[in-house]
């Protein structure tokens, strides 16, 4: 097996099994990479939550995510698409240092750089972890691509906190991307922002950097299709590649009780599912992540199930792009 330097087998493994010959479950389909075979989509865990500014058990998310594989099938009833022809492989979890957050971030950056160098046509999907993982993942991607990258972020928060007050955290990935010149502010679109979750000063910072901002209320009023059309139209002429980052707290607290920053008035799962499917289908989308799910605060895995559906709807978009 051709081992990856900063990625190890996950702590939780799933037994594929086969009960009903007419049903294919994710646990049968998403298998470990054998080190040789070609594949199209990589699943990678980033079990880090020490960098969260509020208490978070988001490091538990990759394991909870995988444990649900036996609960869902590969068939999208609404689209009449079976995902089985799409080759998805689990590469494992990025190695995390026990106490050194900066080292964890370096491991993520180096892991993503290696993945993109070795598998330039593969679309990696990163399961966080808190939102601090997005900056190093994009930094690693940027080293390899050397092209202009755009970001579409689904989040209740701006994530542009000043790194002088606490270092790189789940509240700083967008600011870090801009200040380290990984992504230009004008190439970032944030969708789903909520009142009483941000500050005027950070809004002014984001606007000054040219970041496009859409509130959850705008999505409710105008519709996710229109908002996404505007985002794609804005980025299409300028960027060569797009990274999609999904903070699950963008959804309403009634749907995702297991996020550290729950809040009312968020997006609906239908809106988010539709958006990520469209972005998976877009040929400029090269990677995505899902962050800030805390299984220790969840009820009946409700939030982890939502994040898994985000992943699956994104894969439906990829299927349409690669196999239609």
Protein backbone atom coordinates (compact mmCIF):
# COMPACT_ATOMS: atom_id res chain seq x y z
CA UNK A 1 0.00 0.00 0.00
CA UNK A 2 1.24 3.49 -0.86
CA UNK A 3 0.84 5.13 2.52
CA UNK A 4 -0.04 8.78 2.91
CA UNK A 5 2.35 10.64 5.18
CA UNK A 6 -0.06 12.46 7.50
CA UNK A 7 -3.15 10.24 7.25
CA UNK A 8 -3.81 7.10 9.27
CA UNK A 9 -6.55 4.49 9.42
CA UNK A 10 -9.58 5.78 11.35
CA UNK A 11 -10.18 4.62 14.89
CA UNK A 12 -13.62 3.35 13.90
CA UNK A 13 -13.93 0.85 11.07
CA UNK A 14 -17.17 -0.45 9.65
CA UNK A 15 -18.01 -4.00 8.58
CA UNK A 16 -19.57 -3.95 5.10
CA UNK A 17 -21.77 -7.05 5.39
CA UNK A 18 -24.61 -7.87 3.02
CA UNK A 19 -28.13 -8.59 4.19
CA UNK A 20 -30.48 -7.78 1.33
CA UNK A 21 -29.09 -8.41 -2.19
CA UNK A 22 -31.30 -5.61 -3.54
CA UNK A 23 -30.02 -2.94 -1.14
CA UNK A 24 -26.54 -1.42 -1.14
CA UNK A 25 -25.59 0.44 2.01
CA UNK A 26 -22.85 3.06 2.28
CA UNK A 27 -20.85 0.66 4.45
CA UNK A 28 -20.57 -1.70 1.48
CA UNK A 29 -19.76 1.04 -1.00
CA UNK A 30 -17.40 3.48 0.74
CA UNK A 31 -14.42 1.25 1.41
CA UNK A 32 -10.87 1.86 2.55
CA UNK A 33 -8.43 2.72 -0.20
CA UNK A 34 -6.20 -0.26 -0.87
CA UNK A 35 -3.22 1.88 -1.82
CA UNK A 36 -3.40 1.00 -5.51
CA UNK A 37 -6.82 1.38 -7.09
CA UNK A 38 -7.99 4.48 -8.92
CA UNK A 39 -10.82 6.47 -7.36
CA UNK A 40 -12.73 9.71 -7.90
CA UNK A 41 -13.69 10.94 -4.43
CA UNK A 42 -11.66 10.82 -1.21
CA UNK A 43 -13.22 10.85 2.25
CA UNK A 44 -10.80 12.23 4.85
CA UNK A 45 -11.38 12.88 8.55
CA UNK A 46 -9.91 15.80 10.50
CA UNK A 47 -10.70 15.05 14.18
CA UNK A 48 -9.72 18.41 15.66
CA UNK A 49 -11.71 20.58 18.04
CA UNK A 50 -9.13 21.96 20.47
CA UNK A 51 -9.07 25.07 18.25
CA UNK A 52 -12.74 25.88 18.86
CA UNK A 53 -13.41 29.15 20.70
CA UNK A 54 -16.35 27.52 22.48
CA UNK A 55 -16.60 24.03 23.91
CA UNK A 56 -16.81 21.52 21.08
CA UNK A 57 -16.62 17.78 20.70
CA UNK A 58 -16.30 18.14 16.93
CA UNK A 59 -13.27 15.85 16.98
CA UNK A 60 -15.82 13.03 17.46
CA UNK A 61 -17.59 13.81 14.21
CA UNK A 62 -15.55 11.70 11.75
CA UNK A 63 -16.17 8.57 13.82
CA UNK A 64 -19.90 9.30 14.26
CA UNK A 65 -20.12 10.07 10.53
CA UNK A 66 -18.65 6.70 9.56
CA UNK A 67 -20.76 4.77 12.06
CA UNK A 68 -23.86 5.90 10.17
CA UNK A 69 -22.76 4.27 6.92
CA UNK A 70 -24.81 1.18 7.67
CA UNK A 71 -27.97 3.28 8.10
CA UNK A 72 -28.15 4.73 4.57
CA UNK A 73 -28.21 3.42 1.02
CA UNK A 74 -26.58 4.56 -2.20
CA UNK A 75 -29.88 5.34 -3.94
CA UNK A 76 -31.22 8.89 -4.32
CA UNK A 77 -34.96 8.37 -4.74
CA UNK A 78 -35.72 11.94 -5.82
CA UNK A 79 -33.12 11.97 -8.58
CA UNK A 80 -33.46 8.25 -9.41
CA UNK A 81 -29.67 7.94 -9.18
CA UNK A 82 -27.69 5.11 -7.62
CA UNK A 83 -24.27 6.39 -6.61
CA UNK A 84 -22.51 3.00 -6.87
CA UNK A 85 -20.61 3.78 -10.12
CA UNK A 86 -18.93 6.73 -8.36
CA UNK A 87 -15.68 5.46 -6.85
CA UNK A 88 -15.45 6.82 -3.29
CA UNK A 89 -12.64 5.71 -1.01
CA UNK A 90 -11.96 6.40 2.66
CA UNK A 91 -8.35 7.52 3.10
CA UNK A 92 -8.63 7.69 6.90
CA UNK A 93 -8.01 10.47 9.42
CA UNK A 94 -5.33 13.14 9.37
CA UNK A 95 -2.97 12.64 12.30
CA UNK A 96 -3.55 15.11 15.12
CA UNK A 97 -1.04 16.14 17.79
CA UNK A 98 -2.38 15.68 21.31
CA UNK A 99 -1.62 19.23 22.50
CA UNK A 100 -0.11 21.28 19.65
CA UNK A 101 -2.87 22.95 17.61
CA UNK A 102 -0.42 24.59 15.22
CA UNK A 103 1.08 21.18 14.46
CA UNK A 104 -2.40 19.81 13.79
CA UNK A 105 -2.97 22.59 11.28
CA UNK A 106 0.40 21.89 9.64
CA UNK A 107 -0.53 18.22 9.34
CA UNK A 108 -3.79 19.14 7.61
CA UNK A 109 -2.00 21.47 5.20
CA UNK A 110 0.67 18.89 4.36
CA UNK A 111 -1.89 16.09 4.04
CA UNK A 112 -3.96 18.10 1.58
CA UNK A 113 -0.91 19.12 -0.38
CA UNK A 114 0.08 15.46 -0.70
CA UNK A 115 -3.44 14.35 -1.67
CA UNK A 116 -3.70 16.96 -4.42
CA UNK A 117 -0.23 16.22 -5.76
CA UNK A 118 -0.78 12.45 -5.88
CA UNK A 119 -4.41 12.49 -6.97
CA UNK A 120 -4.94 15.63 -9.07
CA UNK A 121 -8.32 14.52 -10.45
CA UNK A 122 -9.76 13.30 -7.13
CA UNK A 123 -12.27 15.43 -5.20
CA UNK A 124 -11.45 15.29 -1.48
CA UNK A 125 -14.25 15.67 1.08
CA UNK A 126 -13.01 16.62 4.54
CA UNK A 127 -15.06 15.70 7.62
CA UNK A 128 -14.22 18.00 10.53
CA UNK A 129 -13.47 18.87 13.16
CA UNK A 130 -14.07 22.53 13.83
CA UNK A 131 -13.90 25.24 11.18
CA UNK A 132 -10.23 25.99 11.77
CA UNK A 133 -9.43 23.02 9.49
CA UNK A 134 -10.59 24.89 6.37
CA UNK A 135 -7.68 27.33 6.26
CA UNK A 136 -4.85 24.74 6.29
CA UNK A 137 -6.73 22.49 3.85
CA UNK A 138 -7.03 25.36 1.38
CA UNK A 139 -3.43 26.40 1.99
CA UNK A 140 -2.31 22.90 1.00
CA UNK A 141 -4.56 22.95 -2.05
CA UNK A 142 -3.23 26.36 -3.07
CA UNK A 143 0.37 25.15 -3.00
CA UNK A 144 -0.42 22.53 -5.59
CA UNK A 145 -2.89 24.29 -7.86
CA UNK A 146 -1.13 27.61 -8.13
CA UNK A 147 -4.37 29.01 -9.53
CA UNK A 148 -6.99 31.48 -8.41
CA UNK A 149 -9.32 29.77 -5.92
CA UNK A 150 -12.79 30.86 -4.89
CA UNK A 151 -14.61 29.87 -1.71
CA UNK A 152 -18.33 29.39 -1.13
CA UNK A 153 -19.01 29.21 2.58
CA UNK A 154 -22.28 28.20 4.22
CA UNK A 155 -22.15 29.59 7.74
CA UNK A 156 -24.09 31.55 10.32
CA UNK A 157 -20.84 33.35 11.14
CA UNK A 158 -18.37 35.47 9.18
CA UNK A 159 -15.33 33.63 10.57
CA UNK A 160 -13.14 36.71 10.21
CA UNK A 161 -12.08 37.10 13.85
CA UNK A 162 -8.76 38.82 14.41
CA UNK A 163 -6.06 36.18 14.90
CA UNK A 164 -4.27 38.45 17.37
CA UNK A 165 -6.92 37.53 19.91
CA UNK A 166 -6.50 33.81 20.41
CA UNK A 167 -4.63 32.67 17.30
CA UNK A 168 -6.11 30.52 14.54
CA UNK A 169 -9.43 29.06 15.65
CA UNK A 170 -12.79 28.02 14.26
CA UNK A 171 -13.63 31.74 14.14
CA UNK A 172 -10.71 32.75 11.90
CA UNK A 173 -10.50 30.60 8.72
CA UNK A 174 -11.81 33.23 6.29
CA UNK A 175 -9.63 35.98 7.71
CA UNK A 176 -6.61 33.66 7.60
CA UNK A 177 -7.25 32.86 3.95
CA UNK A 178 -7.39 36.55 3.07
CA UNK A 179 -4.47 37.74 5.20
CA UNK A 180 -2.19 34.92 4.07
CA UNK A 181 -3.20 35.65 0.44
CA UNK A 182 -4.45 32.14 -0.19
CA UNK A 183 -7.79 33.49 -1.43
CA UNK A 184 -8.80 37.03 -2.37
CA UNK A 185 -11.66 38.53 -0.43
CA UNK A 186 -13.55 39.27 -3.62
CA UNK A 187 -13.46 35.53 -4.39
CA UNK A 188 -15.31 34.53 -1.21
CA UNK A 189 -19.07 34.18 -0.87
CA UNK A 190 -20.67 33.51 2.52
CA UNK A 191 -24.28 32.30 2.62
CA UNK A 192 -26.56 31.94 5.65
CA UNK A 193 -25.33 34.67 8.01
CA UNK A 194 -27.55 35.26 11.03
CA UNK A 195 -28.30 38.19 13.30
CA UNK A 196 -26.98 38.20 16.85
CA UNK A 197 -24.14 35.89 15.83
CA UNK A 198 -21.62 38.43 14.46
CA UNK A 199 -20.35 41.96 15.08
CA UNK A 200 -20.51 45.21 13.09
CA UNK A 201 -16.73 45.53 13.11
CA UNK A 202 -16.24 42.12 11.54
CA UNK A 203 -18.97 42.80 9.01
CA UNK A 204 -17.16 45.98 8.01
CA UNK A 205 -13.90 44.03 7.72
CA UNK A 206 -15.55 41.44 5.46
CA UNK A 207 -17.18 44.10 3.28
CA UNK A 208 -13.89 46.01 3.03
CA UNK A 209 -12.22 42.83 1.78
CA UNK A 210 -14.88 42.45 -0.90
CA UNK A 211 -16.48 39.31 0.53
CA UNK A 212 -20.04 38.72 -0.74
CA UNK A 213 -22.45 38.32 2.18
CA UNK A 214 -25.90 36.72 2.12
CA UNK A 215 -28.05 36.35 5.20
CA UNK A 216 -30.31 33.43 6.07
CA UNK A 217 -33.27 35.79 5.69
CA UNK A 218 -32.20 36.61 2.14
CA UNK A 219 -32.16 32.90 1.35
CA UNK A 220 -35.66 32.50 2.80
CA UNK A 221 -36.97 35.48 0.81
CA UNK A 222 -35.16 35.07 -2.52
CA UNK A 223 -34.67 31.30 -2.57
CA UNK A 224 -31.47 29.30 -2.50
CA UNK A 225 -31.46 28.86 -6.29
CA UNK A 226 -31.29 32.63 -6.86
CA UNK A 227 -28.65 33.18 -4.19
CA UNK A 228 -26.53 30.37 -5.57
CA UNK A 229 -26.94 31.67 -9.12
CA UNK A 230 -25.58 35.03 -7.98
CA UNK A 231 -22.65 33.37 -6.21
CA UNK A 232 -21.74 31.25 -9.22
CA UNK A 233 -22.11 34.19 -11.62
CA UNK A 234 -19.81 36.24 -9.39
CA UNK A 235 -17.06 33.64 -9.18
CA UNK A 236 -17.23 31.97 -12.61
CA UNK A 237 -15.40 34.68 -14.63
CA UNK A 238 -12.66 35.14 -12.03
CA UNK A 239 -11.60 31.88 -10.42
CA UNK A 240 -10.09 28.66 -11.74
CA UNK A 241 -11.28 26.43 -8.89
CA UNK A 242 -13.80 26.56 -6.04
CA UNK A 243 -13.68 25.14 -2.52
CA UNK A 244 -16.99 24.61 -0.70
CA UNK A 245 -17.03 24.76 3.09
CA UNK A 246 -20.16 23.89 5.07
CA UNK A 247 -20.44 24.85 8.72
CA UNK A 248 -23.44 22.80 9.80
CA UNK A 249 -24.48 25.60 12.20
CA UNK A 250 -25.79 27.42 9.12
CA UNK A 251 -28.92 25.32 9.60
CA UNK A 252 -31.72 26.05 12.03
CA UNK A 253 -31.24 24.77 15.56
CA UNK A 254 -34.40 22.65 15.24
CA UNK A 255 -32.61 20.52 12.64
CA UNK A 256 -29.09 20.43 14.07
CA UNK A 257 -29.05 20.36 17.89
CA UNK A 258 -25.51 18.98 17.86
CA UNK A 259 -23.57 22.06 16.79
CA UNK A 260 -21.68 24.24 19.28
CA UNK A 261 -23.37 27.47 18.09
CA UNK A 262 -27.04 26.62 17.73
CA UNK A 263 -29.39 29.42 16.72
CA UNK A 264 -32.89 30.04 15.36
CA UNK A 265 -33.67 31.31 11.87
CA UNK A 266 -31.12 29.23 10.01
CA UNK A 267 -31.32 27.62 6.60
CA UNK A 268 -33.42 24.52 6.01
CA UNK A 269 -31.76 21.17 5.17
CA UNK A 270 -33.55 21.22 1.80
CA UNK A 271 -31.87 24.51 0.90
CA UNK A 272 -28.45 23.22 1.87
CA UNK A 273 -28.90 19.87 0.13
CA UNK A 274 -29.96 21.59 -3.08
CA UNK A 275 -27.04 23.99 -2.92
CA UNK A 276 -24.30 21.42 -2.36
CA UNK A 277 -25.72 19.18 -5.08
CA UNK A 278 -25.54 22.06 -7.53
CA UNK A 279 -21.99 22.86 -6.44
CA UNK A 280 -20.94 19.22 -6.73
CA UNK A 281 -22.13 19.31 -10.32
CA UNK A 282 -20.18 22.50 -11.08
CA UNK A 283 -16.94 21.61 -12.83
CA UNK A 284 -15.01 24.29 -10.95
CA UNK A 285 -15.63 22.70 -7.55
CA UNK A 286 -12.50 20.77 -6.52
CA UNK A 287 -13.03 20.06 -2.80
CA UNK A 288 -15.44 20.46 0.10
CA UNK A 289 -15.64 20.12 3.86
CA UNK A 290 -18.28 19.76 6.60
CA UNK A 291 -17.45 21.14 10.02
CA UNK A 292 -18.66 21.92 13.54
CA UNK A 293 -20.77 18.87 14.34
CA UNK A 294 -20.54 17.88 18.02
CA UNK A 295 -21.87 14.33 18.51
CA UNK A 296 -21.57 14.71 22.30
CA UNK A 297 -24.37 17.32 22.21
CA UNK A 298 -26.48 15.57 19.57
CA UNK A 299 -29.71 13.61 19.96
CA UNK A 300 -30.06 10.31 18.09
CA UNK A 301 -27.26 11.39 15.74
CA UNK A 302 -29.61 13.95 14.17
CA UNK A 303 -26.86 16.41 13.30
CA UNK A 304 -24.42 13.79 12.07
CA UNK A 305 -27.18 12.41 9.87
CA UNK A 306 -27.68 15.86 8.37
CA UNK A 307 -23.96 16.24 7.66
CA UNK A 308 -23.90 12.80 6.04
CA UNK A 309 -26.80 13.85 3.81
CA UNK A 310 -24.89 17.02 2.87
CA UNK A 311 -22.06 14.75 1.76
CA UNK A 312 -24.40 12.44 -0.17
CA UNK A 313 -26.16 15.28 -1.98
CA UNK A 314 -22.76 16.69 -2.93
CA UNK A 315 -21.89 13.25 -4.32
CA UNK A 316 -25.08 13.24 -6.38
CA UNK A 317 -23.83 16.44 -8.00
CA UNK A 318 -20.45 14.82 -8.63
CA UNK A 319 -22.16 11.78 -10.10
CA UNK A 320 -24.02 14.00 -12.55
CA UNK A 321 -20.75 15.69 -13.47
CA UNK A 322 -18.67 12.51 -13.85
CA UNK A 323 -21.10 9.81 -14.94
CA UNK A 324 -23.95 11.47 -16.85
